[in-house]
Amino acid sequence: MLRWMQQIAKQEYGKALDRENASLIVAMAGDGLSMLRQEIAKLAALVGDTPTIAREDVIAAVGGWRTETTWVMLDALRDGHPGKALENLQKLFRAGESPAKILGGVVFTFRKFAEATELARQGEKLSVALNRAGVFASSVGAAEAYLKRLGFERASRILALLMEADSEIKGGSRTDPQLLLERLFVRLAGEVVVSDP
């Protein structure tokens, strides 16, 4: 699907769309082919004469305020502010966002942390592992701080937590999906960071 998206962007609009940004579009817009085609057309129009569709373009154009709220939520979770993350989760639920779509955003971000943890276990320097796992360069420092705060043992469980939540939200549990996501957030949060007022 990602290759198809890249071909559409290039052949129909003359725009370069890398795999990471194509994956980001899917995470934010879903995997419906007509929806993805629409999002690519919208992005191509947005970037105008620029030959490349960048991450900033995707974030600005795909999903509107819900996408921005999702990024704020995930950054808060990563940065040790679970209260802020849960507050933004509530905003998304009040707006009617589906639990599966919210989980897709969480998985998009946190699976990279899981992959980087495995690479670091194999001897890779953590910052290099985060880059190799696909963490955006501007987020490597914060991601490294998150994984260090979490500790290797807990960081090694990220993928299992994501898979468990995915299974439960897609029908493997009778528990309210909102509660399942809240539980996942608490498990992923690690040590809470106390900010000065």
C-alpha atoms as a PDB file:
ATOM      1  CA  MET A   1       0.000   0.000   0.000  1.00  0.00           C
ATOM      2  CA  LEU A   2       2.798   2.445   0.855  1.00  0.00           C
ATOM      3  CA  ARG A   3       4.486   1.819  -2.491  1.00  0.00           C
ATOM      4  CA  TRP A   4       1.138   2.410  -4.233  1.00  0.00           C
ATOM      5  CA  MET A   5       0.805   5.737  -2.416  1.00  0.00           C
ATOM      6  CA  GLN A   6       4.311   6.742  -3.444  1.00  0.00           C
ATOM      7  CA  GLN A   7       3.511   5.870  -7.071  1.00  0.00           C
ATOM      8  CA  ILE A   8       0.285   7.917  -7.009  1.00  0.00           C
ATOM      9  CA  ALA A   9       2.144  10.908  -5.580  1.00  0.00           C
ATOM     10  CA  LYS A  10       4.904  10.653  -8.187  1.00  0.00           C
ATOM     11  CA  GLN A  11       2.970   9.620 -11.307  1.00  0.00           C
ATOM     12  CA  GLU A  12      -0.169  11.711 -10.851  1.00  0.00           C
ATOM     13  CA  TYR A  13       1.219  14.767  -9.069  1.00  0.00           C
ATOM     14  CA  GLY A  14       4.992  14.740  -9.637  1.00  0.00           C
ATOM     15  CA  LYS A  15       5.647  14.708  -5.885  1.00  0.00           C
ATOM     16  CA  ALA A  16       8.123  12.639  -3.900  1.00  0.00           C
ATOM     17  CA  LEU A  17       6.525  10.916  -0.911  1.00  0.00           C
ATOM     18  CA  ASP A  18       8.860   8.851   1.238  1.00  0.00           C
ATOM     19  CA  ARG A  19       7.794   5.635   2.937  1.00  0.00           C
ATOM     20  CA  GLU A  20       7.765   7.199   6.416  1.00  0.00           C
ATOM     21  CA  ASN A  21       5.384   9.980   5.399  1.00  0.00           C
ATOM     22  CA  ALA A  22       3.177   7.562   3.456  1.00  0.00           C
ATOM     23  CA  SER A  23       2.966   5.475   6.622  1.00  0.00           C
ATOM     24  CA  LEU A  24       2.099   8.587   8.612  1.00  0.00           C
ATOM     25  CA  ILE A  25      -0.767   9.362   6.215  1.00  0.00           C
ATOM     26  CA  VAL A  26      -2.163   5.846   6.728  1.00  0.00           C
ATOM     27  CA  ALA A  27      -1.835   6.180  10.510  1.00  0.00           C
ATOM     28  CA  MET A  28      -3.760   9.449  10.457  1.00  0.00           C
ATOM     29  CA  ALA A  29      -6.307   8.914   7.676  1.00  0.00           C
ATOM     30  CA  GLY A  30      -6.897   5.163   7.762  1.00  0.00           C
ATOM     31  CA  ASP A  31      -6.310   2.601   5.054  1.00  0.00           C
ATOM     32  CA  GLY A  32      -9.232   3.272   2.713  1.00  0.00           C
ATOM     33  CA  LEU A  33      -7.789   3.603  -0.787  1.00  0.00           C
ATOM     34  CA  SER A  34     -10.121   6.382  -1.915  1.00  0.00           C
ATOM     35  CA  MET A  35      -9.412   8.334   1.285  1.00  0.00           C
ATOM     36  CA  LEU A  36      -5.665   7.905   0.798  1.00  0.00           C
ATOM     37  CA  ARG A  37      -5.933   9.055  -2.820  1.00  0.00           C
ATOM     38  CA  GLN A  38      -7.842  12.156  -1.617  1.00  0.00           C
ATOM     39  CA  GLU A  39      -5.228  12.912   1.029  1.00  0.00           C
ATOM     40  CA  ILE A  40      -2.407  12.647  -1.520  1.00  0.00           C
ATOM     41  CA  ALA A  41      -4.268  15.004  -3.876  1.00  0.00           C
ATOM     42  CA  LYS A  42      -4.825  17.461  -1.019  1.00  0.00           C
ATOM     43  CA  LEU A  43      -1.151  17.300  -0.035  1.00  0.00           C
ATOM     44  CA  ALA A  44       0.010  17.769  -3.630  1.00  0.00           C
ATOM     45  CA  ALA A  45      -2.122  20.906  -3.882  1.00  0.00           C
ATOM     46  CA  LEU A  46      -0.879  22.152  -0.517  1.00  0.00           C
ATOM     47  CA  VAL A  47       2.827  21.882  -1.361  1.00  0.00           C
ATOM     48  CA  GLY A  48       2.369  23.629  -4.710  1.00  0.00           C
ATOM     49  CA  ASP A  49       5.649  23.780  -6.636  1.00  0.00           C
ATOM     50  CA  THR A  50       7.612  22.029  -3.897  1.00  0.00           C
ATOM     51  CA  PRO A  51       8.693  18.629  -5.261  1.00  0.00           C
ATOM     52  CA  THR A  52       8.449  16.767  -1.943  1.00  0.00           C
ATOM     53  CA  ILE A  53       5.644  16.087   0.520  1.00  0.00           C
ATOM     54  CA  ALA A  54       7.239  16.525   3.969  1.00  0.00           C
ATOM     55  CA  ARG A  55       6.187  15.422   7.453  1.00  0.00           C
ATOM     56  CA  GLU A  56       5.114  18.968   8.328  1.00  0.00           C
ATOM     57  CA  ASP A  57       2.811  19.004   5.293  1.00  0.00           C
ATOM     58  CA  VAL A  58       1.219  15.717   6.319  1.00  0.00           C
ATOM     59  CA  ILE A  59       0.657  16.875   9.894  1.00  0.00           C
ATOM     60  CA  ALA A  60      -0.791  20.192   8.734  1.00  0.00           C
ATOM     61  CA  ALA A  61      -3.132  18.780   6.112  1.00  0.00           C
ATOM     62  CA  VAL A  62      -4.220  15.295   7.152  1.00  0.00           C
ATOM     63  CA  GLY A  63      -6.745  15.047   9.925  1.00  0.00           C
ATOM     64  CA  GLY A  64      -6.878  18.702  11.006  1.00  0.00           C
ATOM     65  CA  TRP A  65      -7.056  19.536  14.717  1.00  0.00           C
ATOM     66  CA  ARG A  66      -7.505  15.871  15.636  1.00  0.00           C
ATOM     67  CA  THR A  67      -4.118  15.068  14.187  1.00  0.00           C
ATOM     68  CA  GLU A  68      -2.509  17.938  16.071  1.00  0.00           C
ATOM     69  CA  THR A  69      -4.242  16.792  19.275  1.00  0.00           C
ATOM     70  CA  THR A  70      -2.934  13.272  18.680  1.00  0.00           C
ATOM     71  CA  TRP A  71       0.662  14.533  18.346  1.00  0.00           C
ATOM     72  CA  VAL A  72       0.331  16.676  21.487  1.00  0.00           C
ATOM     73  CA  MET A  73      -1.096  13.635  23.308  1.00  0.00           C
ATOM     74  CA  LEU A  74       1.710  11.317  22.199  1.00  0.00           C
ATOM     75  CA  ASP A  75       4.428  13.865  22.971  1.00  0.00           C
ATOM     76  CA  ALA A  76       2.955  14.356  26.468  1.00  0.00           C
ATOM     77  CA  LEU A  77       2.902  10.604  27.022  1.00  0.00           C
ATOM     78  CA  ARG A  78       6.508  10.258  25.841  1.00  0.00           C
ATOM     79  CA  ASP A  79       7.636  13.246  27.905  1.00  0.00           C
ATOM     80  CA  GLY A  80       6.232  11.930  31.207  1.00  0.00           C
ATOM     81  CA  HIS A  81       3.030  13.971  31.387  1.00  0.00           C
ATOM     82  CA  PRO A  82       0.283  11.308  31.400  1.00  0.00           C
ATOM     83  CA  GLY A  83      -2.324  13.749  32.749  1.00  0.00           C
ATOM     84  CA  LYS A  84      -1.942  15.954  29.670  1.00  0.00           C
ATOM     85  CA  ALA A  85      -1.962  12.862  27.448  1.00  0.00           C
ATOM     86  CA  LEU A  86      -5.198  11.607  29.032  1.00  0.00           C
ATOM     87  CA  GLU A  87      -6.771  15.068  28.738  1.00  0.00           C
ATOM     88  CA  ASN A  88      -6.088  15.065  24.993  1.00  0.00           C
ATOM     89  CA  LEU A  89      -7.335  11.477  24.721  1.00  0.00           C
ATOM     90  CA  GLN A  90     -10.632  12.662  26.243  1.00  0.00           C
ATOM     91  CA  LYS A  91     -10.840  15.469  23.640  1.00  0.00           C
ATOM     92  CA  LEU A  92     -10.449  12.929  20.851  1.00  0.00           C
ATOM     93  CA  PHE A  93     -13.128  10.656  22.311  1.00  0.00           C
ATOM     94  CA  ARG A  94     -15.544  13.584  22.791  1.00  0.00           C
ATOM     95  CA  ALA A  95     -14.992  14.466  19.124  1.00  0.00           C
ATOM     96  CA  GLY A  96     -15.971  10.932  18.104  1.00  0.00           C
ATOM     97  CA  GLU A  97     -12.519   9.647  17.153  1.00  0.00           C
ATOM     98  CA  SER A  98     -12.502   5.849  16.951  1.00  0.00           C
ATOM     99  CA  PRO A  99     -10.418   3.894  19.483  1.00  0.00           C
ATOM    100  CA  ALA A 100      -8.777   1.954  16.633  1.00  0.00           C
ATOM    101  CA  LYS A 101      -7.646   5.162  14.929  1.00  0.00           C
ATOM    102  CA  ILE A 102      -6.270   6.572  18.182  1.00  0.00           C
ATOM    103  CA  LEU A 103      -4.447   3.309  18.815  1.00  0.00           C
ATOM    104  CA  GLY A 104      -3.035   3.516  15.276  1.00  0.00           C
ATOM    105  CA  GLY A 105      -1.347   6.796  16.183  1.00  0.00           C
ATOM    106  CA  VAL A 106       0.034   5.317  19.401  1.00  0.00           C
ATOM    107  CA  VAL A 107       1.370   2.267  17.567  1.00  0.00           C
ATOM    108  CA  PHE A 108       2.874   4.424  14.798  1.00  0.00           C
ATOM    109  CA  THR A 109       4.997   6.250  17.373  1.00  0.00           C
ATOM    110  CA  PHE A 110       5.699   3.695  20.086  1.00  0.00           C
ATOM    111  CA  ARG A 111       6.565   0.712  17.862  1.00  0.00           C
ATOM    112  CA  LYS A 112       9.609   2.715  16.791  1.00  0.00           C
ATOM    113  CA  PHE A 113      10.642   2.976  20.435  1.00  0.00           C
ATOM    114  CA  ALA A 114      10.237  -0.794  20.762  1.00  0.00           C
ATOM    115  CA  GLU A 115      12.370  -1.377  17.669  1.00  0.00           C
ATOM    116  CA  ALA A 116      15.050   1.018  18.933  1.00  0.00           C
ATOM    117  CA  THR A 117      15.103  -0.788  22.283  1.00  0.00           C
ATOM    118  CA  GLU A 118      15.787  -4.077  20.514  1.00  0.00           C
ATOM    119  CA  LEU A 119      18.551  -2.499  18.416  1.00  0.00           C
ATOM    120  CA  ALA A 120      20.103  -1.024  21.576  1.00  0.00           C
ATOM    121  CA  ARG A 121      19.932  -4.457  23.234  1.00  0.00           C
ATOM    122  CA  GLN A 122      22.008  -5.740  20.311  1.00  0.00           C
ATOM    123  CA  GLY A 123      24.682  -3.124  21.050  1.00  0.00           C
ATOM    124  CA  GLU A 124      23.591  -0.150  18.939  1.00  0.00           C
ATOM    125  CA  LYS A 125      23.992   3.282  20.536  1.00  0.00           C
ATOM    126  CA  LEU A 126      20.484   4.410  21.566  1.00  0.00           C
ATOM    127  CA  SER A 127      20.404   7.616  19.496  1.00  0.00           C
ATOM    128  CA  VAL A 128      21.549   5.686  16.421  1.00  0.00           C
ATOM    129  CA  ALA A 129      18.993   2.955  17.148  1.00  0.00           C
ATOM    130  CA  LEU A 130      16.212   5.550  17.327  1.00  0.00           C
ATOM    131  CA  ASN A 131      17.277   6.989  13.962  1.00  0.00           C
ATOM    132  CA  ARG A 132      17.382   3.523  12.407  1.00  0.00           C
ATOM    133  CA  ALA A 133      13.949   2.731  13.840  1.00  0.00           C
ATOM    134  CA  GLY A 134      12.494   5.718  11.992  1.00  0.00           C
ATOM    135  CA  VAL A 135      12.079   8.255  14.797  1.00  0.00           C
ATOM    136  CA  PHE A 136      12.018  11.734  13.270  1.00  0.00           C
ATOM    137  CA  ALA A 137      15.357  13.503  13.804  1.00  0.00           C
ATOM    138  CA  SER A 138      13.713  16.343  15.732  1.00  0.00           C
ATOM    139  CA  SER A 139      12.305  13.827  18.238  1.00  0.00           C
ATOM    140  CA  VAL A 140      15.372  11.643  18.864  1.00  0.00           C
ATOM    141  CA  GLY A 141      16.499  13.529  21.996  1.00  0.00           C
ATOM    142  CA  ALA A 142      13.059  13.344  23.619  1.00  0.00           C
ATOM    143  CA  ALA A 143      12.666   9.689  22.622  1.00  0.00           C
ATOM    144  CA  GLU A 144      16.072   8.854  24.093  1.00  0.00           C
ATOM    145  CA  ALA A 145      15.124  10.588  27.368  1.00  0.00           C
ATOM    146  CA  TYR A 146      11.833   8.643  27.412  1.00  0.00           C
ATOM    147  CA  LEU A 147      13.481   5.257  26.970  1.00  0.00           C
ATOM    148  CA  LYS A 148      16.106   6.027  29.613  1.00  0.00           C
ATOM    149  CA  ARG A 149      13.379   7.151  32.029  1.00  0.00           C
ATOM    150  CA  LEU A 150      11.377   4.019  31.268  1.00  0.00           C
ATOM    151  CA  GLY A 151      14.328   1.699  31.804  1.00  0.00           C
ATOM    152  CA  PHE A 152      15.411  -1.199  29.610  1.00  0.00           C
ATOM    153  CA  GLU A 153      13.153  -3.823  31.200  1.00  0.00           C
ATOM    154  CA  ARG A 154       9.964  -1.771  30.771  1.00  0.00           C
ATOM    155  CA  ALA A 155      11.015  -0.488  27.347  1.00  0.00           C
ATOM    156  CA  SER A 156      11.446  -4.105  26.252  1.00  0.00           C
ATOM    157  CA  ARG A 157       7.722  -4.643  26.917  1.00  0.00           C
ATOM    158  CA  ILE A 158       6.431  -1.799  24.708  1.00  0.00           C
ATOM    159  CA  LEU A 159       5.697  -4.019  21.708  1.00  0.00           C
ATOM    160  CA  ALA A 160       3.860  -6.582  23.863  1.00  0.00           C
ATOM    161  CA  LEU A 161       1.745  -3.804  25.405  1.00  0.00           C
ATOM    162  CA  LEU A 162       0.858  -2.438  21.957  1.00  0.00           C
ATOM    163  CA  MET A 163      -0.078  -5.890  20.657  1.00  0.00           C
ATOM    164  CA  GLU A 164      -2.209  -6.615  23.729  1.00  0.00           C
ATOM    165  CA  ALA A 165      -4.072  -3.307  23.380  1.00  0.00           C
ATOM    166  CA  ASP A 166      -4.585  -3.899  19.651  1.00  0.00           C
ATOM    167  CA  SER A 167      -6.064  -7.337  20.267  1.00  0.00           C
ATOM    168  CA  GLU A 168      -8.337  -6.106  23.051  1.00  0.00           C
ATOM    169  CA  ILE A 169      -9.583  -3.030  21.199  1.00  0.00           C
ATOM    170  CA  LYS A 170     -10.325  -5.034  18.054  1.00  0.00           C
ATOM    171  CA  GLY A 171     -12.688  -7.338  19.902  1.00  0.00           C
ATOM    172  CA  GLY A 172     -10.650  -9.430  22.282  1.00  0.00           C
ATOM    173  CA  SER A 173     -12.098  -7.741  25.371  1.00  0.00           C
ATOM    174  CA  ARG A 174     -15.473  -6.608  26.675  1.00  0.00           C
ATOM    175  CA  THR A 175     -13.826  -3.703  28.472  1.00  0.00           C
ATOM    176  CA  ASP A 176     -14.638  -0.210  27.191  1.00  0.00           C
ATOM    177  CA  PRO A 177     -11.987   0.716  24.572  1.00  0.00           C
ATOM    178  CA  GLN A 178     -11.511   4.092  26.241  1.00  0.00           C
ATOM    179  CA  LEU A 179     -10.495   2.347  29.468  1.00  0.00           C
ATOM    180  CA  LEU A 180      -8.184   0.055  27.507  1.00  0.00           C
ATOM    181  CA  LEU A 181      -6.423   3.065  25.967  1.00  0.00           C
ATOM    182  CA  GLU A 182      -6.179   4.801  29.336  1.00  0.00           C
ATOM    183  CA  ARG A 183      -4.608   1.662  30.816  1.00  0.00           C
ATOM    184  CA  LEU A 184      -2.141   1.503  27.911  1.00  0.00           C
ATOM    185  CA  PHE A 185      -1.189   5.145  28.487  1.00  0.00           C
ATOM    186  CA  VAL A 186      -0.475   4.507  32.164  1.00  0.00           C
ATOM    187  CA  ARG A 187       1.665   1.502  31.245  1.00  0.00           C
ATOM    188  CA  LEU A 188       3.603   3.419  28.588  1.00  0.00           C
ATOM    189  CA  ALA A 189       4.069   6.593  30.644  1.00  0.00           C
ATOM    190  CA  GLY A 190       6.963   5.490  32.829  1.00  0.00           C
ATOM    191  CA  GLU A 191       8.083   7.866  35.554  1.00  0.00           C
ATOM    192  CA  VAL A 192       5.968  11.002  35.735  1.00  0.00           C
ATOM    193  CA  VAL A 193       7.930  14.195  35.159  1.00  0.00           C
ATOM    194  CA  VAL A 194       7.081  16.951  37.633  1.00  0.00           C
ATOM    195  CA  SER A 195       7.236  20.382  36.030  1.00  0.00           C
ATOM    196  CA  ASP A 196       7.966  23.575  37.910  1.00  0.00           C
ATOM    197  CA  PRO A 197       4.973  25.968  37.926  1.00  0.00           C
END
